[in-house]
Protein backbone atom coordinates (compact mmCIF):
# COMPACT_ATOMS: atom_id res chain seq x y z
CA MET A 1 -126.21 135.21 63.03
CA ARG A 2 -127.97 136.45 59.94
CA TYR A 3 -128.59 140.74 59.92
CA THR A 4 -131.65 141.91 58.47
CA ALA A 5 -132.18 145.78 56.92
CA SER A 6 -134.31 146.55 59.85
CA SER A 7 -131.95 145.43 62.69
CA ALA A 8 -129.00 147.05 60.91
CA ILE A 9 -130.56 150.36 61.42
CA ALA A 10 -131.50 149.63 64.68
CA LEU A 11 -128.03 148.79 65.80
CA VAL A 12 -126.80 152.29 64.43
CA LEU A 13 -129.03 154.11 66.37
CA PHE A 14 -128.09 152.50 69.31
CA PHE A 15 -124.22 153.22 68.73
CA SER A 16 -125.11 156.47 67.80
CA ALA A 17 -127.00 157.37 71.40
CA ALA A 18 -123.85 155.47 73.30
CA SER A 19 -121.81 157.90 71.72
CA CYS A 20 -123.98 161.18 73.20
CA GLN A 21 -123.21 159.73 76.30
CA ASN A 22 -119.44 159.23 75.71
CA PRO A 23 -117.58 161.46 78.62
CA ALA A 24 -114.72 161.59 75.85
CA ALA A 25 -117.12 163.08 73.70
CA ARG A 26 -118.86 165.45 75.75
CA LEU A 27 -115.59 166.45 77.39
CA LEU A 28 -114.37 167.09 73.75
CA GLU A 29 -117.80 169.50 73.26
CA GLU A 30 -117.01 171.31 76.66
CA SER A 31 -113.61 172.43 75.65
CA THR A 32 -114.84 173.88 72.75
CA PRO A 33 -115.55 177.57 73.41
CA GLN A 34 -119.02 177.77 70.93
CA SER A 35 -120.55 175.05 73.06
CA VAL A 36 -120.07 176.40 76.48
CA ASN A 37 -122.91 177.61 78.24
CA THR A 38 -121.62 179.54 81.08
CA SER A 39 -125.18 181.25 82.00
CA SER A 40 -127.60 180.19 84.85
CA ALA A 41 -130.86 179.15 85.36
CA GLY A 42 -133.62 182.41 84.40
CA THR A 43 -130.90 184.18 82.94
CA ALA A 44 -129.70 184.91 79.26
CA PRO A 45 -126.41 183.49 77.47
CA GLU A 46 -123.18 185.86 77.73
CA SER A 47 -122.24 186.42 74.78
CA PRO A 48 -119.34 185.13 73.37
CA GLN A 49 -115.91 186.97 74.61
CA PRO A 50 -113.33 187.79 71.74
CA PRO A 51 -109.70 185.57 71.86
CA LYS A 52 -107.04 187.22 74.24
CA LEU A 53 -104.13 187.93 72.43
CA ILE A 54 -101.00 186.73 73.61
CA PRO A 55 -98.68 189.42 75.12
CA ASP A 56 -94.78 190.06 73.62
CA PRO A 57 -92.67 187.78 75.74
CA PRO A 58 -90.70 190.13 78.32
CA ARG A 59 -86.97 191.42 76.88
CA LYS A 60 -84.17 189.11 78.72
CA ASP A 61 -81.05 190.27 79.57
CA LEU A 62 -78.06 189.16 76.96
CA SER A 63 -76.78 186.29 78.69
CA VAL A 64 -73.12 185.24 79.82
CA VAL A 65 -72.23 182.36 77.40
CA ASN A 66 -69.75 180.06 79.25
CA ILE A 67 -67.35 179.60 77.21
CA LYS A 68 -63.54 179.43 78.23
CA PRO A 69 -62.36 182.24 77.13
CA ILE A 70 -58.55 181.56 76.96
CA GLU A 71 -56.57 178.65 77.36
CA THR A 72 -52.91 177.41 78.37
CA LEU A 73 -50.60 176.37 75.84
CA HIS A 74 -50.69 172.71 76.92
CA ASP A 75 -54.00 172.52 76.53
CA ASP A 76 -54.78 174.40 73.60
CA GLY A 77 -53.90 171.78 70.73
CA THR A 78 -51.40 173.82 68.67
CA HIS A 79 -48.02 173.64 70.96
CA ASP A 80 -46.33 170.68 71.37
CA ALA A 81 -45.87 170.50 74.77
CA SER A 82 -43.11 168.26 75.15
CA ASN A 83 -40.88 170.95 73.24
CA ASP A 84 -38.54 172.48 75.72
CA ALA A 85 -39.15 175.60 74.46
CA MET A 86 -42.15 175.69 75.75
CA ALA A 87 -40.70 176.48 79.48
CA VAL A 88 -39.19 180.40 77.87
CA LEU A 89 -42.98 180.76 76.34
CA GLN A 90 -45.64 182.91 78.47
CA ASP A 91 -48.56 181.43 79.94
CA PRO A 92 -51.96 183.36 78.19
CA THR A 93 -53.85 182.79 80.98
CA VAL A 94 -51.51 184.60 82.69
CA ALA A 95 -50.21 187.54 80.53
CA MET A 96 -54.16 188.16 79.32
CA GLN A 97 -55.49 187.42 82.86
CA GLU A 98 -56.35 191.44 83.14
CA PHE A 99 -57.78 192.01 79.71
CA PRO A 100 -61.52 192.90 79.46
CA VAL A 101 -63.71 190.65 78.19
CA ASP A 102 -67.31 190.20 76.88
CA ARG A 103 -70.07 188.53 77.40
CA ARG A 104 -68.99 185.19 76.08
CA LEU A 105 -66.10 185.61 78.05
CA GLN A 106 -63.91 186.28 75.52
CA ILE A 107 -60.93 188.92 75.16
CA ASN A 108 -62.32 192.23 73.89
CA TRP A 109 -59.16 193.63 72.12
CA VAL A 110 -60.91 196.86 71.10
CA LYS A 111 -60.90 197.76 74.98
CA THR A 112 -57.34 196.11 75.42
CA LEU A 113 -55.70 198.34 73.18
CA ASP A 114 -58.11 201.24 74.44
CA GLN A 115 -56.99 200.49 77.86
CA GLY A 116 -53.40 200.51 76.71
CA LEU A 117 -52.76 197.29 77.95
CA ILE A 118 -51.44 196.17 73.89
CA ALA A 119 -49.34 198.12 71.81
CA PRO A 120 -49.52 196.82 68.11
CA ARG A 121 -46.21 197.33 66.30
CA ALA A 122 -46.36 198.56 62.86
CA SER A 123 -43.60 196.80 61.50
CA LEU A 124 -41.95 193.69 62.21
CA ASP A 125 -39.14 195.85 63.36
CA GLY A 126 -40.96 198.08 65.34
CA LYS A 127 -40.67 201.10 62.82
CA GLY A 128 -42.99 203.12 61.35
CA GLU A 129 -46.50 204.36 62.66
CA MET A 130 -49.99 202.97 61.67
CA LEU A 131 -51.89 205.13 58.90
CA VAL A 132 -54.65 205.52 61.22
CA MET A 133 -58.29 206.56 59.96
CA ASP A 134 -61.31 208.04 61.59
CA MET A 135 -64.20 206.61 59.15
CA ASP A 136 -67.21 204.56 59.53
CA ILE A 137 -69.39 203.12 56.79
CA LEU A 138 -72.89 202.13 58.05
CA PHE A 139 -74.63 199.07 56.57
CA THR A 140 -78.33 199.88 55.99
CA ASN A 141 -79.31 196.40 54.32
CA THR A 142 -80.30 194.76 57.64
CA LYS A 143 -83.74 194.84 57.30
CA ASP A 144 -85.73 195.19 61.18
CA MET A 145 -81.82 194.65 62.78
CA PRO A 146 -79.91 197.68 63.69
CA TYR A 147 -78.03 199.04 61.37
CA VAL A 148 -73.75 197.86 61.35
CA ARG A 149 -71.22 200.50 61.64
CA PHE A 150 -68.09 199.28 60.76
CA PRO A 151 -65.43 201.56 62.58
CA HIS A 152 -62.27 201.89 60.77
CA LEU A 153 -60.24 203.54 63.49
CA GLN A 154 -60.32 200.72 65.41
CA HIS A 155 -59.12 198.33 62.53
CA THR A 156 -56.69 200.83 61.65
CA LYS A 157 -55.38 200.90 64.92
CA TRP A 158 -53.18 197.86 64.22
CA LEU A 159 -54.22 196.66 61.05
CA ASP A 160 -52.60 198.02 57.05
CA CYS A 161 -55.29 198.94 54.71
CA SER A 162 -53.74 195.89 52.62
CA ASN A 163 -54.95 193.64 55.08
CA CYS A 164 -58.35 193.78 53.63
CA HIS A 165 -58.47 195.93 50.23
CA PRO A 166 -58.55 195.12 47.71
CA ARG A 167 -59.11 190.85 48.14
CA ILE A 168 -61.78 191.14 51.21
CA PHE A 169 -63.58 194.12 50.26
CA ILE A 170 -63.50 196.21 46.94
CA PRO A 171 -63.09 199.87 48.34
CA ARG A 172 -66.06 201.04 46.08
CA ARG A 173 -69.42 201.83 47.25
CA GLY A 174 -72.18 198.96 46.18
CA ALA A 175 -69.12 196.46 44.82
CA ASN A 176 -69.18 194.06 48.17
CA PRO A 177 -73.13 192.07 48.33
CA VAL A 178 -72.50 191.95 52.42
CA SER A 179 -75.13 189.33 53.92
CA MET A 180 -75.44 187.06 56.97
CA ASN A 181 -75.01 183.95 54.95
CA LYS A 182 -71.65 185.13 53.36
CA VAL A 183 -70.41 186.35 56.64
CA LEU A 184 -71.06 183.15 58.77
CA ARG A 185 -69.19 180.64 55.54
CA GLY A 186 -66.24 182.86 56.30
CA GLU A 187 -66.35 185.94 53.57
CA PHE A 188 -66.12 189.20 54.29
CA CYS A 189 -66.21 190.09 57.45
CA GLY A 190 -66.21 186.48 58.57
CA VAL A 191 -62.29 185.93 57.16
CA CYS A 192 -61.62 187.60 60.64
CA HIS A 193 -64.45 187.59 63.13
CA ASP A 194 -65.19 184.38 65.10
CA LYS A 195 -61.36 183.41 64.07
CA VAL A 196 -59.60 185.67 65.53
CA ALA A 197 -61.57 188.58 66.18
CA PHE A 198 -64.47 188.54 68.05
CA SER A 199 -67.54 186.15 67.95
CA LEU A 200 -70.48 186.73 65.31
CA PHE A 201 -72.68 185.31 67.92
CA VAL A 202 -72.04 189.06 69.88
CA CYS A 203 -74.67 190.65 67.65
CA GLU A 204 -74.99 193.44 69.21
CA ARG A 205 -71.39 194.59 68.44
CA CYS A 206 -71.96 195.59 64.58
CA HIS A 207 -75.63 196.07 64.66
CA SER A 208 -75.24 199.09 66.99
CA VAL A 209 -77.15 201.79 65.06
CA PRO A 210 -81.00 201.20 65.93
CA HIS A 211 -83.20 203.11 63.77
CA GLU A 212 -87.24 203.30 62.75
CA ARG A 213 -88.51 200.10 62.25
CA SER A 214 -85.65 198.10 64.66
CA GLY A 215 -87.12 199.10 68.05
CA LYS A 216 -84.90 198.24 70.60
CA TRP A 217 -82.84 194.89 70.33
CA TRP A 218 -80.16 194.99 73.19
């Protein structure tokens, strides 16, 4: 079949008219706010309404993460269950069952120490006393997060100064470029926390000092 110029123009006009009658095309037009006409016959059309702002979602309570806090000696993957000495070792699920836990169901060692449930030795032979230091360090480079308060008191009740200084923290103002990326990689606080100390993902235990930009996080 041969098409002339006039017949091609006629086909274009035909398909253009058909697309105006396409239900999908009408639906798209009706869903566009500028093309919606809500006025009734004989009345002036309403002026377009400004867009509604989406409110902030309601704050949620901090959730309890279902993590198994204590493992038996047979299940921890460290002890040799076939060793006869296992019989004389105390089961941690029994020894620690009364210890307070945090919202991740892991032992809160600070509360355990404060409640007198444990009594760390100052030395291997049990002699001497710990050099306890009651001094806080405030980290303020936290942007919109609450500031971090580092308490020497809770740490020096069972750690010697040499555990942290100078290998992990240089005891000089401005000498320690701490960041969350470094901490999560196991540097600075991450040397102990998330390993033998509480998890790094109980954020409120470190970010505990609100300021004018932080609002109410916890």
